Amino acid sequence: QSEDMRAVISIGRFVNFITLFILAFGVIFELPVFMIFS
């Protein structure tokens, strides 16, 4: 962003971004467990 282009973030998209990103990281960190199980 710049002086002529400032971000206006909606609360809906902000929540979607944060929650999905955090949950996705939590899921992918479980990869070694499923590898060991298989």
Full PDB file with SEQRES, HELIX, SHEET, SSBOND, CRYST1, ORIGX, SCALE, CONECT and MASTER records, all heavy atoms in Angstrom:
SEQRES   1 A   38  GLN SER GLU ASP MET ARG ALA VAL ILE SER ILE GLY ARG          
SEQRES   2 A   38  PHE VAL ASN PHE ILE THR LEU PHE ILE LEU ALA PHE GLY          
SEQRES   3 A   38  VAL ILE PHE GLU LEU PRO VAL PHE MET ILE PHE SER              
HELIX    1 AA1 ILE A   11  ILE A   28  1                                  18    
HELIX    2 AA2 LEU A   31  PHE A   37  1                                   7    
CRYST1    1.000    1.000    1.000  90.00  90.00  90.00 P 1           1          
ORIGX1      1.000000  0.000000  0.000000        0.00000                         
ORIGX2      0.000000  1.000000  0.000000        0.00000                         
ORIGX3      0.000000  0.000000  1.000000        0.00000                         
SCALE1      1.000000  0.000000  0.000000        0.00000                         
SCALE2      0.000000  1.000000  0.000000        0.00000                         
SCALE3      0.000000  0.000000  1.000000        0.00000                         
ATOM      1  N   GLN A   1       0.837  -1.189   0.000  1.00  0.00           N  
ATOM      2  CA  GLN A   1       0.000   0.000   0.000  1.00  0.00           C  
ATOM      3  C   GLN A   1       0.882   1.252   0.000  1.00  0.00           C  
ATOM      4  O   GLN A   1       2.057   1.216   0.387  1.00  0.00           O  
ATOM      5  CB  GLN A   1      -0.935   0.004   1.206  1.00  0.00           C  
ATOM      6  CG  GLN A   1      -0.251   0.023   2.549  1.00  0.00           C  
ATOM      7  CD  GLN A   1      -1.252  -0.053   3.687  1.00  0.00           C  
ATOM      8  OE1 GLN A   1      -2.437   0.194   3.500  1.00  0.00           O  
ATOM      9  NE2 GLN A   1      -0.768  -0.375   4.874  1.00  0.00           N  
ATOM     10  N   SER A   2       0.299   2.359  -0.421  1.00  0.00           N  
ATOM     11  CA  SER A   2       1.044   3.616  -0.519  1.00  0.00           C  
ATOM     12  C   SER A   2       0.171   4.756  -0.011  1.00  0.00           C  
ATOM     13  O   SER A   2      -0.935   4.533   0.498  1.00  0.00           O  
ATOM     14  CB  SER A   2       1.458   3.860  -1.974  1.00  0.00           C  
ATOM     15  OG  SER A   2       0.315   3.955  -2.802  1.00  0.00           O  
ATOM     16  N   GLU A   3       0.675   5.958  -0.131  1.00  0.00           N  
ATOM     17  CA  GLU A   3      -0.094   7.127   0.313  1.00  0.00           C  
ATOM     18  C   GLU A   3      -1.375   7.299  -0.489  1.00  0.00           C  
ATOM     19  O   GLU A   3      -2.385   7.763   0.026  1.00  0.00           O  
ATOM     20  CB  GLU A   3       0.768   8.384   0.199  1.00  0.00           C  
ATOM     21  CG  GLU A   3       1.946   8.418   1.144  1.00  0.00           C  
ATOM     22  CD  GLU A   3       1.516   8.488   2.598  1.00  0.00           C  
ATOM     23  OE1 GLU A   3       0.399   8.993   2.855  1.00  0.00           O  
ATOM     24  OE2 GLU A   3       2.278   8.041   3.470  1.00  0.00           O  
ATOM     25  N   ASP A   4      -1.318   6.911  -1.751  1.00  0.00           N  
ATOM     26  CA  ASP A   4      -2.487   7.048  -2.618  1.00  0.00           C  
ATOM     27  C   ASP A   4      -3.366   5.803  -2.619  1.00  0.00           C  
ATOM     28  O   ASP A   4      -4.469   5.829  -3.171  1.00  0.00           O  
ATOM     29  CB  ASP A   4      -2.047   7.327  -4.060  1.00  0.00           C  
ATOM     30  CG  ASP A   4      -1.256   8.618  -4.165  1.00  0.00           C  
ATOM     31  OD1 ASP A   4      -1.563   9.552  -3.386  1.00  0.00           O  
ATOM     32  OD2 ASP A   4      -0.341   8.677  -5.001  1.00  0.00           O  
ATOM     33  N   MET A   5      -2.878   4.733  -2.014  1.00  0.00           N  
ATOM     34  CA  MET A   5      -3.643   3.483  -2.014  1.00  0.00           C  
ATOM     35  C   MET A   5      -3.540   2.848  -0.626  1.00  0.00           C  
ATOM     36  O   MET A   5      -2.552   2.188  -0.301  1.00  0.00           O  
ATOM     37  CB  MET A   5      -3.102   2.519  -3.090  1.00  0.00           C  
ATOM     38  CG  MET A   5      -3.909   1.237  -3.222  1.00  0.00           C  
ATOM     39  SD  MET A   5      -3.275   0.188  -4.570  1.00  0.00           S  
ATOM     40  CE  MET A   5      -1.604  -0.155  -3.986  1.00  0.00           C  
ATOM     41  N   ARG A   6      -4.567   3.072   0.201  1.00  0.00           N  
ATOM     42  CA  ARG A   6      -4.589   2.572   1.570  1.00  0.00           C  
ATOM     43  C   ARG A   6      -5.573   1.419   1.677  1.00  0.00           C  
ATOM     44  O   ARG A   6      -6.625   1.395   1.016  1.00  0.00           O  
ATOM     45  CB  ARG A   6      -5.000   3.677   2.547  1.00  0.00           C  
ATOM     46  CG  ARG A   6      -4.161   4.943   2.449  1.00  0.00           C  
ATOM     47  CD  ARG A   6      -2.714   4.686   2.835  1.00  0.00           C  
ATOM     48  NE  ARG A   6      -2.589   4.264   4.224  1.00  0.00           N  
ATOM     49  CZ  ARG A   6      -1.432   3.950   4.793  1.00  0.00           C  
ATOM     50  NH1 ARG A   6      -0.306   3.983   4.066  1.00  0.00           N  
ATOM     51  NH2 ARG A   6      -1.406   3.580   6.058  1.00  0.00           N  
ATOM     52  N   ALA A   7      -5.238   0.454   2.519  1.00  0.00           N  
ATOM     53  CA  ALA A   7      -6.087  -0.724   2.698  1.00  0.00           C  
ATOM     54  C   ALA A   7      -7.281  -0.403   3.584  1.00  0.00           C  
ATOM     55  O   ALA A   7      -7.147   0.246   4.625  1.00  0.00           O  
ATOM     56  CB  ALA A   7      -5.274  -1.854   3.328  1.00  0.00           C  
ATOM     57  N   VAL A   8      -8.448  -0.863   3.141  1.00  0.00           N  
ATOM     58  CA  VAL A   8      -9.667  -0.799   3.946  1.00  0.00           C  
ATOM     59  C   VAL A   8     -10.156  -2.234   4.104  1.00  0.00           C  
ATOM     60  O   VAL A   8     -10.704  -2.822   3.174  1.00  0.00           O  
ATOM     61  CB  VAL A   8     -10.744   0.080   3.266  1.00  0.00           C  
ATOM     62  CG1 VAL A   8     -12.010   0.100   4.121  1.00  0.00           C  
ATOM     63  CG2 VAL A   8     -10.221   1.486   3.049  1.00  0.00           C  
ATOM     64  N   ILE A   9      -9.942  -2.799   5.275  1.00  0.00           N  
ATOM     65  CA  ILE A   9     -10.175  -4.226   5.499  1.00  0.00           C  
ATOM     66  C   ILE A   9     -11.532  -4.425   6.165  1.00  0.00           C  
ATOM     67  O   ILE A   9     -11.795  -3.854   7.234  1.00  0.00           O  
ATOM     68  CB  ILE A   9      -9.062  -4.827   6.381  1.00  0.00           C  
ATOM     69  CG1 ILE A   9      -7.702  -4.554   5.742  1.00  0.00           C  
ATOM     70  CG2 ILE A   9      -9.266  -6.318   6.566  1.00  0.00           C  
ATOM     71  CD1 ILE A   9      -6.537  -4.973   6.601  1.00  0.00           C  
ATOM     72  N   SER A  10     -12.377  -5.231   5.544  1.00  0.00           N  
ATOM     73  CA  SER A  10     -13.677  -5.528   6.138  1.00  0.00           C  
ATOM     74  C   SER A  10     -13.521  -6.565   7.232  1.00  0.00           C  
ATOM     75  O   SER A  10     -12.647  -7.445   7.178  1.00  0.00           O  
ATOM     76  CB  SER A  10     -14.649  -6.039   5.070  1.00  0.00           C  
ATOM     77  OG  SER A  10     -14.239  -7.312   4.610  1.00  0.00           O  
ATOM     78  N   ILE A  11     -14.366  -6.501   8.238  1.00  0.00           N  
ATOM     79  CA  ILE A  11     -14.267  -7.420   9.367  1.00  0.00           C  
ATOM     80  C   ILE A  11     -14.554  -8.862   8.949  1.00  0.00           C  
ATOM     81  O   ILE A  11     -13.959  -9.813   9.474  1.00  0.00           O  
ATOM     82  CB  ILE A  11     -15.238  -6.976  10.494  1.00  0.00           C  
ATOM     83  CG1 ILE A  11     -15.026  -7.839  11.737  1.00  0.00           C  
ATOM     84  CG2 ILE A  11     -16.683  -7.013  10.035  1.00  0.00           C  
ATOM     85  CD1 ILE A  11     -15.818  -7.346  12.930  1.00  0.00           C  
ATOM     86  N   GLY A  12     -15.435  -9.031   7.957  1.00  0.00           N  
ATOM     87  CA  GLY A  12     -15.763 -10.373   7.497  1.00  0.00           C  
ATOM     88  C   GLY A  12     -14.575 -11.069   6.842  1.00  0.00           C  
ATOM     89  O   GLY A  12     -14.246 -12.215   7.164  1.00  0.00           O  
ATOM     90  N   ARG A  13     -13.918 -10.366   5.930  1.00  0.00           N  
ATOM     91  CA  ARG A  13     -12.767 -10.956   5.252  1.00  0.00           C  
ATOM     92  C   ARG A  13     -11.576 -11.101   6.191  1.00  0.00           C  
ATOM     93  O   ARG A  13     -10.774 -12.035   6.049  1.00  0.00           O  
ATOM     94  CB  ARG A  13     -12.388 -10.108   4.035  1.00  0.00           C  
ATOM     95  CG  ARG A  13     -13.469 -10.105   2.968  1.00  0.00           C  
ATOM     96  CD  ARG A  13     -12.961  -9.517   1.670  1.00  0.00           C  
ATOM     97  NE  ARG A  13     -13.966  -9.632   0.611  1.00  0.00           N  
ATOM     98  CZ  ARG A  13     -13.773  -9.274  -0.642  1.00  0.00           C  
ATOM     99  NH1 ARG A  13     -12.593  -8.758  -1.007  1.00  0.00           N  
ATOM    100  NH2 ARG A  13     -14.722  -9.423  -1.544  1.00  0.00           N  
ATOM    101  N   PHE A  14     -11.457 -10.192   7.133  1.00  0.00           N  
ATOM    102  CA  PHE A  14     -10.390 -10.291   8.125  1.00  0.00           C  
ATOM    103  C   PHE A  14     -10.547 -11.561   8.959  1.00  0.00           C  
ATOM    104  O   PHE A  14      -9.586 -12.309   9.166  1.00  0.00           O  
ATOM    105  CB  PHE A  14     -10.413  -9.053   9.023  1.00  0.00           C  
ATOM    106  CG  PHE A  14      -9.397  -9.070  10.123  1.00  0.00           C  
ATOM    107  CD1 PHE A  14      -8.075  -8.728   9.869  1.00  0.00           C  
ATOM    108  CD2 PHE A  14      -9.754  -9.426  11.414  1.00  0.00           C  
ATOM    109  CE1 PHE A  14      -7.128  -8.739  10.889  1.00  0.00           C  
ATOM    110  CE2 PHE A  14      -8.819  -9.451  12.431  1.00  0.00           C  
ATOM    111  CZ  PHE A  14      -7.502  -9.100  12.169  1.00  0.00           C  
ATOM    112  N   VAL A  15     -11.754 -11.826   9.417  1.00  0.00           N  
ATOM    113  CA  VAL A  15     -12.020 -13.020  10.223  1.00  0.00           C  
ATOM    114  C   VAL A  15     -11.806 -14.281   9.390  1.00  0.00           C  
ATOM    115  O   VAL A  15     -11.232 -15.269   9.869  1.00  0.00           O  
ATOM    116  CB  VAL A  15     -13.444 -12.962  10.805  1.00  0.00           C  
ATOM    117  CG1 VAL A  15     -13.842 -14.317  11.393  1.00  0.00           C  
ATOM    118  CG2 VAL A  15     -13.522 -11.880  11.875  1.00  0.00           C  
ATOM    119  N   ASN A  16     -12.279 -14.264   8.140  1.00  0.00           N  
ATOM    120  CA  ASN A  16     -12.071 -15.427   7.268  1.00  0.00           C  
ATOM    121  C   ASN A  16     -10.585 -15.731   7.087  1.00  0.00           C  
ATOM    122  O   ASN A  16     -10.157 -16.891   7.172  1.00  0.00           O  
ATOM    123  CB  ASN A  16     -12.712 -15.185   5.898  1.00  0.00           C  
ATOM    124  CG  ASN A  16     -14.221 -15.213   5.953  1.00  0.00           C  
ATOM    125  OD1 ASN A  16     -14.811 -15.748   6.888  1.00  0.00           O  
ATOM    126  ND2 ASN A  16     -14.860 -14.625   4.966  1.00  0.00           N  
ATOM    127  N   PHE A  17      -9.808 -14.706   6.826  1.00  0.00           N  
ATOM    128  CA  PHE A  17      -8.378 -14.871   6.599  1.00  0.00           C  
ATOM    129  C   PHE A  17      -7.693 -15.436   7.838  1.00  0.00           C  
ATOM    130  O   PHE A  17      -6.929 -16.407   7.761  1.00  0.00           O  
ATOM    131  CB  PHE A  17      -7.761 -13.520   6.225  1.00  0.00           C  
ATOM    132  CG  PHE A  17      -6.288 -13.580   5.942  1.00  0.00           C  
ATOM    133  CD1 PHE A  17      -5.823 -13.858   4.668  1.00  0.00           C  
ATOM    134  CD2 PHE A  17      -5.362 -13.362   6.948  1.00  0.00           C  
ATOM    135  CE1 PHE A  17      -4.465 -13.923   4.395  1.00  0.00           C  
ATOM    136  CE2 PHE A  17      -4.004 -13.429   6.693  1.00  0.00           C  
ATOM    137  CZ  PHE A  17      -3.557 -13.702   5.417  1.00  0.00           C  
ATOM    138  N   ILE A  18      -7.972 -14.853   8.993  1.00  0.00           N  
ATOM    139  CA  ILE A  18      -7.292 -15.248  10.234  1.00  0.00           C  
ATOM    140  C   ILE A  18      -7.655 -16.676  10.626  1.00  0.00           C  
ATOM    141  O   ILE A  18      -6.778 -17.511  10.890  1.00  0.00           O  
ATOM    142  CB  ILE A  18      -7.641 -14.284  11.378  1.00  0.00           C  
ATOM    143  CG1 ILE A  18      -7.208 -12.861  11.047  1.00  0.00           C  
ATOM    144  CG2 ILE A  18      -6.997 -14.757  12.685  1.00  0.00           C  
ATOM    145  CD1 ILE A  18      -5.727 -12.702  10.835  1.00  0.00           C  
ATOM    146  N   THR A  19      -8.942 -16.966  10.681  1.00  0.00           N  
ATOM    147  CA  THR A  19      -9.378 -18.278  11.165  1.00  0.00           C  
ATOM    148  C   THR A  19      -8.948 -19.412  10.235  1.00  0.00           C  
ATOM    149  O   THR A  19      -8.478 -20.458  10.694  1.00  0.00           O  
ATOM    150  CB  THR A  19     -10.898 -18.295  11.359  1.00  0.00           C  
ATOM    151  OG1 THR A  19     -11.551 -17.906  10.131  1.00  0.00           O  
ATOM    152  CG2 THR A  19     -11.316 -17.344  12.461  1.00  0.00           C  
ATOM    153  N   LEU A  20      -9.121 -19.213   8.927  1.00  0.00           N  
ATOM    154  CA  LEU A  20      -8.735 -20.257   7.979  1.00  0.00           C  
ATOM    155  C   LEU A  20      -7.233 -20.488   7.986  1.00  0.00           C  
ATOM    156  O   LEU A  20      -6.761 -21.632   7.915  1.00  0.00           O  
ATOM    157  CB  LEU A  20      -9.207 -19.897   6.569  1.00  0.00           C  
ATOM    158  CG  LEU A  20     -10.706 -19.969   6.318  1.00  0.00           C  
ATOM    159  CD1 LEU A  20     -11.034 -19.505   4.897  1.00  0.00           C  
ATOM    160  CD2 LEU A  20     -11.223 -21.391   6.520  1.00  0.00           C  
ATOM    161  N   PHE A  21      -6.473 -19.428   8.080  1.00  0.00           N  
ATOM    162  CA  PHE A  21      -5.020 -19.542   8.087  1.00  0.00           C  
ATOM    163  C   PHE A  21      -4.534 -20.290   9.329  1.00  0.00           C  
ATOM    164  O   PHE A  21      -3.677 -21.176   9.258  1.00  0.00           O  
ATOM    165  CB  PHE A  21      -4.394 -18.149   8.028  1.00  0.00           C  
ATOM    166  CG  PHE A  21      -3.046 -18.125   7.367  1.00  0.00           C  
ATOM    167  CD1 PHE A  21      -2.760 -18.952   6.304  1.00  0.00           C  
ATOM    168  CD2 PHE A  21      -2.067 -17.248   7.811  1.00  0.00           C  
ATOM    169  CE1 PHE A  21      -1.517 -18.929   5.687  1.00  0.00           C  
ATOM    170  CE2 PHE A  21      -0.825 -17.216   7.204  1.00  0.00           C  
ATOM    171  CZ  PHE A  21      -0.544 -18.057   6.138  1.00  0.00           C  
ATOM    172  N   ILE A  22      -5.088 -19.958  10.491  1.00  0.00           N  
ATOM    173  CA  ILE A  22      -4.676 -20.603  11.739  1.00  0.00           C  
ATOM    174  C   ILE A  22      -5.079 -22.074  11.746  1.00  0.00           C  
ATOM    175  O   ILE A  22      -4.286 -22.953  12.114  1.00  0.00           O  
ATOM    176  CB  ILE A  22      -5.282 -19.861  12.947  1.00  0.00           C  
ATOM    177  CG1 ILE A  22      -4.655 -18.467  13.078  1.00  0.00           C  
ATOM    178  CG2 ILE A  22      -5.060 -20.648  14.234  1.00  0.00           C  
ATOM    179  CD1 ILE A  22      -5.247 -17.622  14.194  1.00  0.00           C  
ATOM    180  N   LEU A  23      -6.318 -22.366  11.349  1.00  0.00           N  
ATOM    181  CA  LEU A  23      -6.770 -23.758  11.319  1.00  0.00           C  
ATOM    182  C   LEU A  23      -5.982 -24.581  10.307  1.00  0.00           C  
ATOM    183  O   LEU A  23      -5.665 -25.750  10.556  1.00  0.00           O  
ATOM    184  CB  LEU A  23      -8.268 -23.820  10.985  1.00  0.00           C  
ATOM    185  CG  LEU A  23      -9.229 -23.371  12.093  1.00  0.00           C  
ATOM    186  CD1 LEU A  23     -10.663 -23.411  11.582  1.00  0.00           C  
ATOM    187  CD2 LEU A  23      -9.082 -24.251  13.328  1.00  0.00           C  
ATOM    188  N   ALA A  24      -5.660 -23.987   9.168  1.00  0.00           N  
ATOM    189  CA  ALA A  24      -4.890 -24.710   8.153  1.00  0.00           C  
ATOM    190  C   ALA A  24      -3.514 -25.085   8.684  1.00  0.00           C  
ATOM    191  O   ALA A  24      -3.041 -26.211   8.468  1.00  0.00           O  
ATOM    192  CB  ALA A  24      -4.762 -23.857   6.889  1.00  0.00           C  
ATOM    193  N   PHE A  25      -2.881 -24.188   9.395  1.00  0.00           N  
ATOM    194  CA  PHE A  25      -1.573 -24.506   9.974  1.00  0.00           C  
ATOM    195  C   PHE A  25      -1.691 -25.593  11.034  1.00  0.00           C  
ATOM    196  O   PHE A  25      -0.817 -26.454  11.158  1.00  0.00           O  
ATOM    197  CB  PHE A  25      -0.938 -23.254  10.569  1.00  0.00           C  
ATOM    198  CG  PHE A  25       0.116 -22.656   9.693  1.00  0.00           C  
ATOM    199  CD1 PHE A  25      -0.236 -21.781   8.678  1.00  0.00           C  
ATOM    200  CD2 PHE A  25       1.444 -22.971   9.861  1.00  0.00           C  
ATOM    201  CE1 PHE A  25       0.728 -21.221   7.856  1.00  0.00           C  
ATOM    202  CE2 PHE A  25       2.413 -22.424   9.044  1.00  0.00           C  
ATOM    203  CZ  PHE A  25       2.059 -21.547   8.031  1.00  0.00           C  
ATOM    204  N   GLY A  26      -2.760 -25.552  11.814  1.00  0.00           N  
ATOM    205  CA  GLY A  26      -2.951 -26.603  12.804  1.00  0.00           C  
ATOM    206  C   GLY A  26      -3.123 -27.967  12.170  1.00  0.00           C  
ATOM    207  O   GLY A  26      -2.606 -28.973  12.670  1.00  0.00           O  
ATOM    208  N   VAL A  27      -3.811 -28.017  11.033  1.00  0.00           N  
ATOM    209  CA  VAL A  27      -4.044 -29.290  10.346  1.00  0.00           C  
ATOM    210  C   VAL A  27      -2.767 -29.828   9.715  1.00  0.00           C  
ATOM    211  O   VAL A  27      -2.442 -31.012   9.846  1.00  0.00           O  
ATOM    212  CB  VAL A  27      -5.151 -29.123   9.282  1.00  0.00           C  
ATOM    213  CG1 VAL A  27      -5.254 -30.372   8.416  1.00  0.00           C  
ATOM    214  CG2 VAL A  27      -6.490 -28.851   9.954  1.00  0.00           C  
ATOM    215  N   ILE A  28      -2.004 -28.975   9.043  1.00  0.00           N  
ATOM    216  CA  ILE A  28      -0.819 -29.473   8.345  1.00  0.00           C  
ATOM    217  C   ILE A  28       0.272 -29.911   9.311  1.00  0.00           C  
ATOM    218  O   ILE A  28       1.106 -30.759   8.967  1.00  0.00           O  
ATOM    219  CB  ILE A  28      -0.258 -28.424   7.368  1.00  0.00           C  
ATOM    220  CG1 ILE A  28       0.295 -27.213   8.116  1.00  0.00           C  
ATOM    221  CG2 ILE A  28      -1.295 -28.027   6.345  1.00  0.00           C  
ATOM    222  CD1 ILE A  28       1.053 -26.238   7.233  1.00  0.00           C  
ATOM    223  N   PHE A  29       0.282 -29.376  10.522  1.00  0.00           N  
ATOM    224  CA  PHE A  29       1.292 -29.785  11.498  1.00  0.00           C  
ATOM    225  C   PHE A  29       1.061 -31.219  11.979  1.00  0.00           C  
ATOM    226  O   PHE A  29       1.936 -31.793  12.641  1.00  0.00           O  
ATOM    227  CB  PHE A  29       1.295 -28.826  12.692  1.00  0.00           C  
ATOM    228  CG  PHE A  29       2.350 -27.752  12.594  1.00  0.00           C  
ATOM    229  CD1 PHE A  29       2.342 -26.869  11.530  1.00  0.00           C  
ATOM    230  CD2 PHE A  29       3.348 -27.636  13.546  1.00  0.00           C  
ATOM    231  CE1 PHE A  29       3.314 -25.882  11.423  1.00  0.00           C  
ATOM    232  CE2 PHE A  29       4.326 -26.664  13.445  1.00  0.00           C  
ATOM    233  CZ  PHE A  29       4.309 -25.775  12.387  1.00  0.00           C  
ATOM    234  N   GLU A  30      -0.071 -31.799  11.657  1.00  0.00           N  
ATOM    235  CA  GLU A  30      -0.356 -33.169  12.064  1.00  0.00           C  
ATOM    236  C   GLU A  30       0.148 -34.198  11.051  1.00  0.00           C  
ATOM    237  O   GLU A  30      -0.060 -35.404  11.236  1.00  0.00           O  
ATOM    238  CB  GLU A  30      -1.872 -33.342  12.253  1.00  0.00           C  
ATOM    239  CG  GLU A  30      -2.449 -32.444  13.339  1.00  0.00           C  
ATOM    240  CD  GLU A  30      -3.961 -32.478  13.369  1.00  0.00           C  
ATOM    241  OE1 GLU A  30      -4.538 -33.247  12.589  1.00  0.00           O  
ATOM    242  OE2 GLU A  30      -4.567 -31.732  14.159  1.00  0.00           O  
ATOM    243  N   LEU A  31       0.807 -33.754  10.004  1.00  0.00           N  
ATOM    244  CA  LEU A  31       1.277 -34.660   8.960  1.00  0.00           C  
ATOM    245  C   LEU A  31       2.133 -35.815   9.495  1.00  0.00           C  
ATOM    246  O   LEU A  31       1.914 -36.968   9.100  1.00  0.00           O  
ATOM    247  CB  LEU A  31       2.047 -33.865   7.906  1.00  0.00           C  
ATOM    248  CG  LEU A  31       2.674 -34.686   6.767  1.00  0.00           C  
ATOM    249  CD1 LEU A  31       1.595 -35.402   5.965  1.00  0.00           C  
ATOM    250  CD2 LEU A  31       3.506 -33.787   5.855  1.00  0.00           C  
ATOM    251  N   PRO A  32       3.120 -35.588  10.376  1.00  0.00           N  
ATOM    252  CA  PRO A  32       3.923 -36.727  10.854  1.00  0.00           C  
ATOM    253  C   PRO A  32       3.109 -37.806  11.544  1.00  0.00           C  
ATOM    254  O   PRO A  32       3.431 -39.003  11.430  1.00  0.00           O  
ATOM    255  CB  PRO A  32       4.911 -36.067  11.834  1.00  0.00           C  
ATOM    256  CG  PRO A  32       4.980 -34.641  11.416  1.00  0.00           C  
ATOM    257  CD  PRO A  32       3.624 -34.311  10.912  1.00  0.00           C  
ATOM    258  N   VAL A  33       2.045 -37.421  12.239  1.00  0.00           N  
ATOM    259  CA  VAL A  33       1.224 -38.413  12.937  1.00  0.00           C  
ATOM    260  C   VAL A  33       0.537 -39.334  11.936  1.00  0.00           C  
ATOM    261  O   VAL A  33       0.507 -40.558  12.116  1.00  0.00           O  
ATOM    262  CB  VAL A  33       0.183 -37.720  13.835  1.00  0.00           C  
ATOM    263  CG1 VAL A  33      -0.667 -38.747  14.573  1.00  0.00           C  
ATOM    264  CG2 VAL A  33       0.863 -36.798  14.824  1.00  0.00           C  
ATOM    265  N   PHE A  34      -0.009 -38.776  10.869  1.00  0.00           N  
ATOM    266  CA  PHE A  34      -0.686 -39.597   9.871  1.00  0.00           C  
ATOM    267  C   PHE A  34       0.311 -40.435   9.073  1.00  0.00           C  
ATOM    268  O   PHE A  34      -0.025 -41.539   8.642  1.00  0.00           O  
ATOM    269  CB  PHE A  34      -1.513 -38.703   8.942  1.00  0.00           C  
ATOM    270  CG  PHE A  34      -2.745 -38.146   9.584  1.00  0.00           C  
ATOM    271  CD1 PHE A  34      -2.747 -36.891  10.165  1.00  0.00           C  
ATOM    272  CD2 PHE A  34      -3.912 -38.896   9.637  1.00  0.00           C  
ATOM    273  CE1 PHE A  34      -3.881 -36.381  10.771  1.00  0.00           C  
ATOM    274  CE2 PHE A  34      -5.060 -38.399  10.240  1.00  0.00           C  
ATOM    275  CZ  PHE A  34      -5.038 -37.137  10.811  1.00  0.00           C  
ATOM    276  N   MET A  35       1.525 -39.938   8.901  1.00  0.00           N  
ATOM    277  CA  MET A  35       2.559 -40.747   8.250  1.00  0.00           C  
ATOM    278  C   MET A  35       2.923 -41.951   9.115  1.00  0.00           C  
ATOM    279  O   MET A  35       3.069 -43.072   8.622  1.00  0.00           O  
ATOM    280  CB  MET A  35       3.791 -39.885   7.978  1.00  0.00           C  
ATOM    281  CG  MET A  35       3.596 -38.821   6.922  1.00  0.00           C  
ATOM    282  SD  MET A  35       5.024 -37.711   6.742  1.00  0.00           S  
ATOM    283  CE  MET A  35       6.263 -38.867   6.147  1.00  0.00           C  
ATOM    284  N   ILE A  36       3.076 -41.719  10.410  1.00  0.00           N  
ATOM    285  CA  ILE A  36       3.401 -42.814  11.331  1.00  0.00           C  
ATOM    286  C   ILE A  36       2.255 -43.821  11.385  1.00  0.00           C  
ATOM    287  O   ILE A  36       2.476 -45.035  11.392  1.00  0.00           O  
ATOM    288  CB  ILE A  36       3.703 -42.243  12.734  1.00  0.00           C  
ATOM    289  CG1 ILE A  36       5.006 -41.445  12.710  1.00  0.00           C  
ATOM    290  CG2 ILE A  36       3.785 -43.360  13.769  1.00  0.00           C  
ATOM    291  CD1 ILE A  36       5.291 -40.697  13.987  1.00  0.00           C  
ATOM    292  N   PHE A  37       1.028 -43.329  11.390  1.00  0.00           N  
ATOM    293  CA  PHE A  37      -0.131 -44.227  11.419  1.00  0.00           C  
ATOM    294  C   PHE A  37      -0.169 -45.097  10.166  1.00  0.00           C  
ATOM    295  O   PHE A  37      -0.381 -46.316  10.254  1.00  0.00           O  
ATOM    296  CB  PHE A  37      -1.417 -43.403  11.527  1.00  0.00           C  
ATOM    297  CG  PHE A  37      -2.677 -44.222  11.423  1.00  0.00           C  
ATOM    298  CD1 PHE A  37      -3.131 -44.951  12.503  1.00  0.00           C  
ATOM    299  CD2 PHE A  37      -3.402 -44.263  10.240  1.00  0.00           C  
ATOM    300  CE1 PHE A  37      -4.292 -45.718  12.415  1.00  0.00           C  
ATOM    301  CE2 PHE A  37      -4.558 -45.017  10.141  1.00  0.00           C  
ATOM    302  CZ  PHE A  37      -4.998 -45.745  11.229  1.00  0.00           C  
ATOM    303  N   SER A  38       0.040 -44.501   9.002  1.00  0.00           N  
ATOM    304  CA  SER A  38       0.007 -45.275   7.759  1.00  0.00           C  
ATOM    305  C   SER A  38       1.138 -46.286   7.706  1.00  0.00           C  
ATOM    306  O   SER A  38       0.981 -47.372   7.144  1.00  0.00           O  
ATOM    307  CB  SER A  38       0.087 -44.331   6.556  1.00  0.00           C  
ATOM    308  OG  SER A  38       1.327 -43.630   6.548  1.00  0.00           O  
TER     309      SER A  38                                                      
MASTER        0    0    0    2    0    0    0    6  308    1    0    3          
END                                                                             
